[in-house]
């Protein structure tokens, strides 16, 4: 038996279990670190020498050594924070952040989603790294160009109304009218009316009143009026003026009450507040004859049912200021404005790695790609196994305190046992030295 070998075996055990205690201590220290991923130590046997006997041979180990220290990328639990810029990933993805870390510039990857809007409007980490995502193009659609994700703080520009979508249900039992429509007395010369608010190029609201008259079986006409004083032509208070002609359009239905055809609907007006001339299309849904549809869209004629409004929408808006922010599961950053509009401002990008355990831990909850991890697969959330984004949520550390204390106890006992191996070997060595006395 080699006494020195036994000493070295004990020392290797001390070193290995000391590393295990070090890793366990680091895990426990980061139990409340957002997005932290616990590490684990893997040991391997160190082969010492081969012993050859009369009928067989065997190997005697030289102790143990640390083979790897791996990070465990299991999912941590989630906590709702109520902070709109706090984000978490439910899945295998990582947030992509860009900037300079310890003199190294480039993209880094993290599971810690504590972001803030900096003084330039960019979503950034506390250390100034900028969250990467996909911007919105001029057409309002999300592009595929990766870059710093910015939340525009400028007011939302007004947009004038160009399209009105309306759906009405008209009473088939209404008798056909024989009188003429009178814009000065519209209620008395129509059968049903409704209104819609439109916006001019400056974002100012204006009310458009729509009056419906039954002219024959299954046939209706409609007139569109605005306050004359609000138009460039002017008028007395209370005076109404027609836009889009008289009538502005007609609706006809088949015997089943489906919209067979519609005509007109082209409205033109210039408001008196300096706004641009405005052309508006008023549409009542897909018709059978006019559009080649089934006529069962937004508008219909019903038997013995009071006329009413079924649907209304228009594409204009007043100016607005950003009041709220939210991020949906697809990573879309959505701004809520004071005018009631919700606008997509960008999309958070996520990265996935074929071997996340091969990432290089940079500290600060940041990782960097390596040859072992493979190249990052960057793209939209909820695609390609990247996982979903959870808004107003943070991922907690995945450290299991109970398991870590068990690891600590076993490492401590192993350390004590290896210490005993050394002390026992020392005693034997001392006895050997004393043999010649």
Protein backbone atom coordinates (compact mmCIF):
# COMPACT_ATOMS: atom_id res chain seq x y z
CA UNK A 1 0.00 0.00 0.00
CA UNK A 2 1.26 3.48 -0.89
CA UNK A 3 0.87 5.74 2.12
CA UNK A 4 1.56 8.86 0.08
CA UNK A 5 -1.14 7.84 -2.42
CA UNK A 6 -3.64 7.66 0.40
CA UNK A 7 -2.66 11.14 1.50
CA UNK A 8 -3.16 12.49 -2.01
CA UNK A 9 -6.52 10.70 -2.28
CA UNK A 10 -7.65 12.47 0.86
CA UNK A 11 -6.39 15.82 -0.40
CA UNK A 12 -8.23 15.36 -3.71
CA UNK A 13 -11.40 14.59 -1.79
CA UNK A 14 -10.95 17.74 0.27
CA UNK A 15 -10.49 19.84 -2.86
CA UNK A 16 -13.45 18.29 -4.67
CA UNK A 17 -15.86 18.67 -1.77
CA UNK A 18 -14.55 22.15 -1.05
CA UNK A 19 -15.60 23.08 -4.60
CA UNK A 20 -18.96 21.45 -3.98
CA UNK A 21 -19.44 23.54 -0.85
CA UNK A 22 -18.39 26.65 -2.77
CA UNK A 23 -20.98 26.01 -5.49
CA UNK A 24 -23.67 25.19 -2.92
CA UNK A 25 -22.90 28.38 -1.02
CA UNK A 26 -23.17 30.42 -4.21
CA UNK A 27 -26.53 28.82 -5.01
CA UNK A 28 -27.87 29.64 -1.55
CA UNK A 29 -26.52 33.19 -1.75
CA UNK A 30 -28.49 33.71 -4.97
CA UNK A 31 -31.75 32.16 -3.83
CA UNK A 32 -33.47 35.54 -4.26
CA UNK A 33 -31.61 36.63 -7.41
CA UNK A 34 -34.08 37.16 -10.28
CA UNK A 35 -33.47 34.77 -13.18
CA UNK A 36 -30.57 33.01 -11.42
CA UNK A 37 -29.82 29.46 -12.53
CA UNK A 38 -28.36 27.10 -9.96
CA UNK A 39 -25.09 25.24 -10.60
CA UNK A 40 -24.13 21.68 -9.81
CA UNK A 41 -20.73 19.99 -9.48
CA UNK A 42 -19.90 16.77 -11.28
CA UNK A 43 -17.01 14.65 -9.98
CA UNK A 44 -14.88 12.12 -11.79
CA UNK A 45 -12.50 9.44 -10.57
CA UNK A 46 -8.76 9.99 -11.03
CA UNK A 47 -7.04 6.78 -12.15
CA UNK A 48 -3.86 6.17 -10.17
CA UNK A 49 -2.20 2.87 -11.03
CA UNK A 50 -2.85 -0.63 -12.24
CA UNK A 51 -2.21 -3.62 -9.99
CA UNK A 52 -1.38 -6.87 -11.76
CA UNK A 53 -2.06 -10.09 -9.88
CA UNK A 54 -1.49 -13.74 -10.66
CA UNK A 55 -4.84 -14.22 -12.36
CA UNK A 56 -6.20 -10.72 -12.92
CA UNK A 57 -5.40 -7.06 -12.79
CA UNK A 58 -7.14 -4.10 -11.19
CA UNK A 59 -6.95 -0.37 -10.95
CA UNK A 60 -6.56 1.77 -7.88
CA UNK A 61 -7.87 5.31 -8.11
CA UNK A 62 -5.94 8.37 -7.07
CA UNK A 63 -8.94 10.17 -5.65
CA UNK A 64 -11.51 12.45 -7.21
CA UNK A 65 -11.51 15.63 -9.26
CA UNK A 66 -14.10 18.12 -10.43
CA UNK A 67 -15.04 17.25 -14.01
CA UNK A 68 -17.56 20.03 -14.71
CA UNK A 69 -19.61 22.70 -13.00
CA UNK A 70 -22.89 22.87 -14.94
CA UNK A 71 -25.75 25.30 -14.67
CA UNK A 72 -29.24 23.90 -14.38
CA UNK A 73 -31.57 25.75 -16.74
CA UNK A 74 -34.81 24.45 -15.28
CA UNK A 75 -37.75 26.85 -15.10
CA UNK A 76 -37.95 29.04 -12.02
CA UNK A 77 -41.25 30.03 -10.46
CA UNK A 78 -42.98 33.27 -11.46
CA UNK A 79 -43.98 36.29 -9.41
CA UNK A 80 -46.34 38.99 -10.63
CA UNK A 81 -44.89 42.44 -9.98
CA UNK A 82 -47.42 44.77 -11.60
CA UNK A 83 -44.53 46.57 -13.33
CA UNK A 84 -45.20 46.63 -17.07
CA UNK A 85 -41.51 46.46 -18.03
CA UNK A 86 -40.81 43.39 -15.88
CA UNK A 87 -40.67 40.38 -18.18
CA UNK A 88 -40.19 36.63 -17.82
CA UNK A 89 -39.77 33.76 -20.26
CA UNK A 90 -41.96 30.67 -19.92
CA UNK A 91 -39.84 28.22 -21.88
CA UNK A 92 -36.27 27.78 -23.08
CA UNK A 93 -35.64 31.24 -24.50
CA UNK A 94 -33.34 34.02 -23.33
CA UNK A 95 -33.74 37.78 -23.59
CA UNK A 96 -31.17 39.33 -25.91
CA UNK A 97 -29.41 42.43 -24.57
CA UNK A 98 -26.71 44.47 -26.25
CA UNK A 99 -23.90 46.64 -24.93
CA UNK A 100 -20.49 46.42 -23.30
CA UNK A 101 -19.67 43.97 -20.50
CA UNK A 102 -16.18 44.04 -18.98
CA UNK A 103 -14.73 45.48 -22.17
CA UNK A 104 -16.53 43.03 -24.45
CA UNK A 105 -19.14 44.57 -26.74
CA UNK A 106 -21.90 42.58 -28.40
CA UNK A 107 -25.05 40.65 -27.65
CA UNK A 108 -25.54 38.86 -24.37
CA UNK A 109 -28.31 36.62 -23.09
CA UNK A 110 -30.22 36.64 -19.83
CA UNK A 111 -33.25 35.23 -18.06
CA UNK A 112 -33.49 38.22 -15.74
CA UNK A 113 -36.22 40.46 -17.14
CA UNK A 114 -35.93 43.54 -14.93
CA UNK A 115 -36.06 46.26 -17.59
CA UNK A 116 -36.65 50.00 -17.40
CA UNK A 117 -37.24 52.74 -19.95
CA UNK A 118 -34.11 54.92 -20.03
CA UNK A 119 -33.93 58.64 -20.79
CA UNK A 120 -33.84 57.93 -24.53
CA UNK A 121 -36.86 55.65 -24.47
CA UNK A 122 -34.97 52.36 -24.79
CA UNK A 123 -35.83 49.30 -22.70
CA UNK A 124 -32.64 48.67 -20.73
CA UNK A 125 -31.23 46.69 -17.84
CA UNK A 126 -30.01 48.38 -14.69
CA UNK A 127 -26.45 48.27 -16.07
CA UNK A 128 -27.47 50.01 -19.30
CA UNK A 129 -27.65 47.02 -21.65
CA UNK A 130 -30.45 47.49 -24.18
CA UNK A 131 -33.12 44.89 -24.79
CA UNK A 132 -33.19 43.69 -28.39
CA UNK A 133 -36.35 43.31 -30.41
CA UNK A 134 -38.07 43.96 -33.70
CA UNK A 135 -39.21 47.46 -34.62
CA UNK A 136 -42.50 48.47 -36.23
CA UNK A 137 -42.37 49.73 -39.81
CA UNK A 138 -44.15 52.72 -41.34
CA UNK A 139 -47.07 50.43 -42.24
CA UNK A 140 -47.58 49.51 -38.58
CA UNK A 141 -46.35 45.94 -39.09
CA UNK A 142 -43.53 44.39 -37.08
CA UNK A 143 -40.34 44.03 -39.13
CA UNK A 144 -37.70 41.29 -38.94
CA UNK A 145 -34.84 43.71 -38.24
CA UNK A 146 -33.23 43.10 -34.84
CA UNK A 147 -32.18 46.18 -32.90
CA UNK A 148 -32.50 48.16 -29.68
CA UNK A 149 -36.14 48.10 -28.59
CA UNK A 150 -37.43 51.63 -28.08
CA UNK A 151 -40.70 52.91 -26.66
CA UNK A 152 -41.59 56.19 -28.42
CA UNK A 153 -42.63 58.80 -25.88
CA UNK A 154 -43.86 61.34 -28.44
CA UNK A 155 -47.64 61.91 -28.64
CA UNK A 156 -49.57 59.70 -31.03
CA UNK A 157 -50.34 61.71 -34.15
CA UNK A 158 -54.00 62.23 -35.10
CA UNK A 159 -55.44 60.36 -38.05
CA UNK A 160 -58.43 61.54 -40.04
CA UNK A 161 -61.32 59.21 -40.73
CA UNK A 162 -61.37 57.70 -44.21
CA UNK A 163 -63.55 54.62 -43.64
CA UNK A 164 -66.70 53.99 -41.64
CA UNK A 165 -67.97 50.43 -41.20
CA UNK A 166 -71.59 50.31 -40.12
CA UNK A 167 -74.05 47.52 -39.56
CA UNK A 168 -77.78 48.16 -39.18
CA UNK A 169 -80.82 46.00 -38.64
CA UNK A 170 -83.83 47.54 -40.38
CA UNK A 171 -87.49 46.75 -39.69
CA UNK A 172 -89.09 45.15 -42.75
CA UNK A 173 -92.58 46.02 -41.48
CA UNK A 174 -91.89 49.75 -41.75
CA UNK A 175 -94.24 51.25 -44.40
CA UNK A 176 -92.64 52.84 -47.45
CA UNK A 177 -92.49 56.63 -47.34
CA UNK A 178 -93.94 58.93 -49.98
CA UNK A 179 -92.65 62.24 -48.61
CA UNK A 180 -89.27 63.79 -49.39
CA UNK A 181 -86.39 63.91 -46.97
CA UNK A 182 -85.94 67.30 -45.33
CA UNK A 183 -82.51 68.09 -43.83
CA UNK A 184 -84.15 70.83 -41.77
CA UNK A 185 -86.57 68.30 -40.25
CA UNK A 186 -84.75 64.96 -40.52
CA UNK A 187 -86.46 63.09 -37.68
CA UNK A 188 -89.92 63.65 -39.13
CA UNK A 189 -88.89 62.60 -42.63
CA UNK A 190 -86.96 59.43 -41.77
CA UNK A 191 -87.65 56.08 -40.08
CA UNK A 192 -84.45 55.45 -38.13
CA UNK A 193 -81.27 57.35 -37.34
CA UNK A 194 -77.90 56.78 -35.75
CA UNK A 195 -74.65 58.70 -35.53
CA UNK A 196 -70.90 58.19 -35.67
CA UNK A 197 -68.02 60.38 -34.53
CA UNK A 198 -65.37 61.03 -37.17
CA UNK A 199 -62.05 62.85 -36.90
CA UNK A 200 -60.54 65.43 -39.22
CA UNK A 201 -56.85 65.76 -40.13
CA UNK A 202 -56.20 67.77 -36.96
CA UNK A 203 -57.80 65.10 -34.78
CA UNK A 204 -60.89 67.17 -33.95
CA UNK A 205 -64.11 65.15 -33.55
CA UNK A 206 -67.27 65.75 -35.60
CA UNK A 207 -70.63 64.00 -35.43
CA UNK A 208 -72.11 62.54 -38.60
CA UNK A 209 -75.82 61.72 -38.37
CA UNK A 210 -77.15 58.96 -40.62
CA UNK A 211 -80.91 58.89 -41.39
CA UNK A 212 -82.62 55.88 -42.98
CA UNK A 213 -85.86 55.96 -44.98
CA UNK A 214 -87.79 53.03 -46.44
CA UNK A 215 -88.66 53.87 -50.05
CA UNK A 216 -90.19 50.53 -51.19
CA UNK A 217 -90.39 46.89 -50.18
CA UNK A 218 -86.86 45.76 -49.27
CA UNK A 219 -85.44 49.12 -50.37
CA UNK A 220 -83.98 51.90 -48.21
CA UNK A 221 -82.07 55.11 -48.68
CA UNK A 222 -79.85 56.93 -46.21
CA UNK A 223 -78.78 60.55 -45.77
CA UNK A 224 -75.67 61.79 -43.96
CA UNK A 225 -75.72 65.18 -42.22
CA UNK A 226 -73.21 67.27 -40.26
CA UNK A 227 -73.57 70.59 -38.49
CA UNK A 228 -73.27 73.26 -41.19
CA UNK A 229 -71.38 75.57 -38.84
CA UNK A 230 -68.56 73.01 -38.62
CA UNK A 231 -67.96 72.94 -42.38
CA UNK A 232 -65.98 75.39 -44.51
CA UNK A 233 -69.26 76.50 -46.17
CA UNK A 234 -70.59 77.61 -42.79
CA UNK A 235 -74.16 77.88 -41.58
CA UNK A 236 -76.42 78.97 -38.76
CA UNK A 237 -76.34 77.27 -35.35
CA UNK A 238 -78.49 74.12 -35.47
CA UNK A 239 -78.46 74.01 -39.26
CA UNK A 240 -77.52 70.66 -40.81
CA UNK A 241 -75.95 70.11 -44.20
CA UNK A 242 -75.80 66.96 -46.28
CA UNK A 243 -72.50 65.36 -47.25
CA UNK A 244 -72.31 62.67 -49.91
CA UNK A 245 -75.38 63.70 -51.90
CA UNK A 246 -79.12 63.43 -51.37
CA UNK A 247 -79.47 60.60 -50.69
CA UNK A 248 -75.97 59.56 -49.75
CA UNK A 249 -76.72 55.97 -50.75
CA UNK A 250 -79.22 53.12 -50.93
CA UNK A 251 -79.58 49.65 -49.43
CA UNK A 252 -81.63 46.79 -50.88
CA UNK A 253 -82.36 43.39 -49.33
CA UNK A 254 -83.62 40.07 -50.70
CA UNK A 255 -86.63 38.17 -49.38
CA UNK A 256 -84.46 36.52 -46.70
CA UNK A 257 -83.39 39.90 -45.33
CA UNK A 258 -79.83 39.60 -46.61
CA UNK A 259 -78.08 42.64 -48.04
CA UNK A 260 -78.46 42.32 -51.81
CA UNK A 261 -76.88 45.59 -52.93
CA UNK A 262 -75.71 49.00 -51.73
CA UNK A 263 -74.93 52.14 -53.65
CA UNK A 264 -73.29 55.44 -52.77
CA UNK A 265 -71.45 55.81 -49.51
CA UNK A 266 -68.86 58.30 -50.81
CA UNK A 267 -68.84 61.24 -48.40
CA UNK A 268 -66.80 64.43 -48.88
CA UNK A 269 -66.43 67.30 -46.45
CA UNK A 270 -64.04 70.08 -45.48
CA UNK A 271 -64.34 71.18 -41.90
CA UNK A 272 -63.96 74.84 -40.94
CA UNK A 273 -61.11 74.54 -38.43
CA UNK A 274 -58.34 74.49 -41.02
CA UNK A 275 -58.38 70.73 -41.50
CA UNK A 276 -57.71 69.18 -44.90
CA UNK A 277 -60.48 68.17 -47.28
CA UNK A 278 -61.75 64.75 -46.31
CA UNK A 279 -63.16 61.82 -48.30
CA UNK A 280 -64.92 59.14 -46.27
CA UNK A 281 -66.28 55.78 -47.43
CA UNK A 282 -69.38 54.52 -45.61
CA UNK A 283 -69.79 50.76 -45.98
CA UNK A 284 -72.62 48.56 -44.68
CA UNK A 285 -71.05 45.17 -45.33
CA UNK A 286 -70.59 42.65 -48.08
CA UNK A 287 -73.58 42.52 -50.45
CA UNK A 288 -74.72 39.77 -52.81
CA UNK A 289 -74.98 41.66 -56.10
CA UNK A 290 -72.51 44.45 -55.50
CA UNK A 291 -69.72 42.47 -53.82
CA UNK A 292 -70.43 38.86 -54.76
CA UNK A 293 -70.84 37.83 -51.14
CA UNK A 294 -73.62 36.12 -49.24
CA UNK A 295 -75.11 39.34 -47.88
CA UNK A 296 -74.97 38.04 -44.31
CA UNK A 297 -72.35 40.44 -43.00
CA UNK A 298 -73.00 43.53 -40.94
CA UNK A 299 -76.46 44.67 -42.13
CA UNK A 300 -79.82 42.92 -42.46
CA UNK A 301 -83.57 43.48 -42.69
CA UNK A 302 -85.71 41.78 -40.04
CA UNK A 303 -89.42 41.01 -39.81
CA UNK A 304 -91.23 42.80 -36.99
CA UNK A 305 -88.06 43.89 -35.25
CA UNK A 306 -87.35 47.47 -34.36
CA UNK A 307 -84.60 49.09 -36.41
CA UNK A 308 -81.28 49.49 -34.61
CA UNK A 309 -77.54 49.81 -34.88
CA UNK A 310 -75.67 46.49 -34.96
CA UNK A 311 -72.07 47.54 -35.48
CA UNK A 312 -70.03 50.72 -35.88
CA UNK A 313 -66.34 51.40 -36.40
CA UNK A 314 -64.19 54.06 -38.03
CA UNK A 315 -60.46 54.38 -38.63
CA UNK A 316 -59.78 57.94 -37.39
CA UNK A 317 -58.39 59.01 -34.07
CA UNK A 318 -57.57 62.14 -32.04
CA UNK A 319 -54.01 62.75 -30.78
CA UNK A 320 -52.99 60.83 -27.69
CA UNK A 321 -50.24 60.54 -25.11
CA UNK A 322 -48.74 57.28 -23.87
CA UNK A 323 -50.34 56.27 -20.57
CA UNK A 324 -49.74 52.54 -20.22
CA UNK A 325 -47.55 49.76 -21.52
CA UNK A 326 -48.02 46.01 -21.68
CA UNK A 327 -46.29 43.04 -23.27
CA UNK A 328 -48.30 40.06 -24.50
CA UNK A 329 -47.30 36.39 -24.79
CA UNK A 330 -46.02 36.92 -28.34
CA UNK A 331 -43.67 39.61 -27.06
CA UNK A 332 -45.59 42.50 -28.61
CA UNK A 333 -44.96 45.75 -26.74
CA UNK A 334 -48.33 47.51 -26.78
CA UNK A 335 -48.81 51.15 -25.85
CA UNK A 336 -52.10 52.39 -24.42
CA UNK A 337 -52.82 56.03 -25.26
CA UNK A 338 -55.08 58.66 -23.76
CA UNK A 339 -57.32 58.56 -26.85
CA UNK A 340 -58.18 54.92 -26.19
CA UNK A 341 -55.91 53.58 -28.91
CA UNK A 342 -53.67 50.57 -28.41
CA UNK A 343 -50.66 50.56 -30.74
CA UNK A 344 -47.99 47.89 -31.20
CA UNK A 345 -44.64 49.61 -30.64
CA UNK A 346 -42.32 46.65 -31.21
CA UNK A 347 -41.74 43.01 -30.35
CA UNK A 348 -39.32 41.46 -27.85
CA UNK A 349 -36.86 39.01 -29.41
CA UNK A 350 -35.90 35.73 -27.73
CA UNK A 351 -32.92 33.47 -28.35
CA UNK A 352 -32.67 29.72 -27.93
CA UNK A 353 -29.54 27.57 -27.81
CA UNK A 354 -29.15 23.91 -28.73
CA UNK A 355 -26.87 23.47 -25.69
CA UNK A 356 -27.48 26.18 -23.08
CA UNK A 357 -25.13 24.44 -20.63
CA UNK A 358 -22.33 25.43 -23.00
CA UNK A 359 -22.94 29.15 -22.46
CA UNK A 360 -20.24 31.22 -20.79
CA UNK A 361 -21.44 32.79 -17.55
CA UNK A 362 -20.36 36.44 -17.58
CA UNK A 363 -21.78 37.28 -14.15
CA UNK A 364 -24.61 39.70 -13.56
CA UNK A 365 -27.10 37.08 -14.83
CA UNK A 366 -25.55 37.38 -18.30
CA UNK A 367 -24.40 34.65 -20.64
CA UNK A 368 -22.36 34.69 -23.82
CA UNK A 369 -22.45 32.18 -26.65
CA UNK A 370 -19.57 29.75 -27.15
CA UNK A 371 -18.73 27.00 -29.58
CA UNK A 372 -20.20 24.50 -27.11
CA UNK A 373 -23.52 26.31 -26.85
CA UNK A 374 -23.96 26.77 -30.59
CA UNK A 375 -25.16 29.91 -32.30
CA UNK A 376 -28.23 31.67 -30.89
CA UNK A 377 -31.50 31.00 -32.68
CA UNK A 378 -33.07 34.46 -32.43
CA UNK A 379 -36.65 35.14 -33.41
CA UNK A 380 -40.21 35.73 -32.27
CA UNK A 381 -41.48 34.37 -28.94
CA UNK A 382 -43.78 31.35 -29.00
CA UNK A 383 -41.99 30.08 -32.12
CA UNK A 384 -39.24 27.50 -32.44
CA UNK A 385 -39.35 26.40 -28.81
CA UNK A 386 -38.30 29.80 -27.48
CA UNK A 387 -41.23 30.05 -25.11
CA UNK A 388 -43.72 32.79 -24.33
CA UNK A 389 -43.13 36.20 -22.80
CA UNK A 390 -44.96 36.97 -19.56
CA UNK A 391 -45.54 40.66 -18.95
CA UNK A 392 -45.45 42.30 -15.50
CA UNK A 393 -43.80 39.11 -14.24
CA UNK A 394 -40.34 38.05 -13.11
CA UNK A 395 -38.79 34.59 -13.00
CA UNK A 396 -37.39 33.75 -9.61
CA UNK A 397 -34.23 31.77 -8.92
CA UNK A 398 -34.55 28.03 -9.54
CA UNK A 399 -32.50 27.24 -6.42
CA UNK A 400 -34.13 24.54 -4.27
CA UNK A 401 -33.17 25.49 -0.71
CA UNK A 402 -34.01 22.08 0.75
CA UNK A 403 -31.91 20.28 -1.85
CA UNK A 404 -29.04 22.72 -1.36
CA UNK A 405 -28.95 22.11 2.40
CA UNK A 406 -28.84 18.36 1.74
CA UNK A 407 -25.94 18.95 -0.66
CA UNK A 408 -24.21 21.07 1.96
CA UNK A 409 -24.54 18.39 4.64
CA UNK A 410 -23.30 15.59 2.37
CA UNK A 411 -20.38 17.73 1.18
CA UNK A 412 -19.53 18.60 4.77
CA UNK A 413 -19.58 14.94 5.83
CA UNK A 414 -17.51 13.97 2.79
CA UNK A 415 -15.00 16.68 3.68
CA UNK A 416 -14.78 15.36 7.24
CA UNK A 417 -14.33 11.80 5.98
CA UNK A 418 -11.51 12.82 3.67
CA UNK A 419 -9.91 14.71 6.55
CA UNK A 420 -10.01 11.46 8.52
CA UNK A 421 -8.34 9.67 5.59
CA UNK A 422 -5.49 12.18 5.73
CA UNK A 423 -5.12 11.98 9.52
CA UNK A 424 -5.17 8.17 9.44
CA UNK A 425 -2.58 8.10 6.65
CA UNK A 426 -0.46 10.52 8.66
CA UNK A 427 -0.57 8.22 11.69
CA UNK A 428 0.45 5.21 9.59
CA UNK A 429 3.24 7.25 8.01
CA UNK A 430 4.45 8.25 11.49
CA UNK A 431 4.42 4.62 12.62
CA UNK A 432 6.44 3.65 9.56
CA UNK A 433 9.02 6.33 10.32
CA UNK A 434 9.30 5.06 13.91
CA UNK A 435 9.97 1.45 12.85
CA UNK A 436 13.74 2.00 12.73
CA UNK A 437 13.91 3.39 16.25
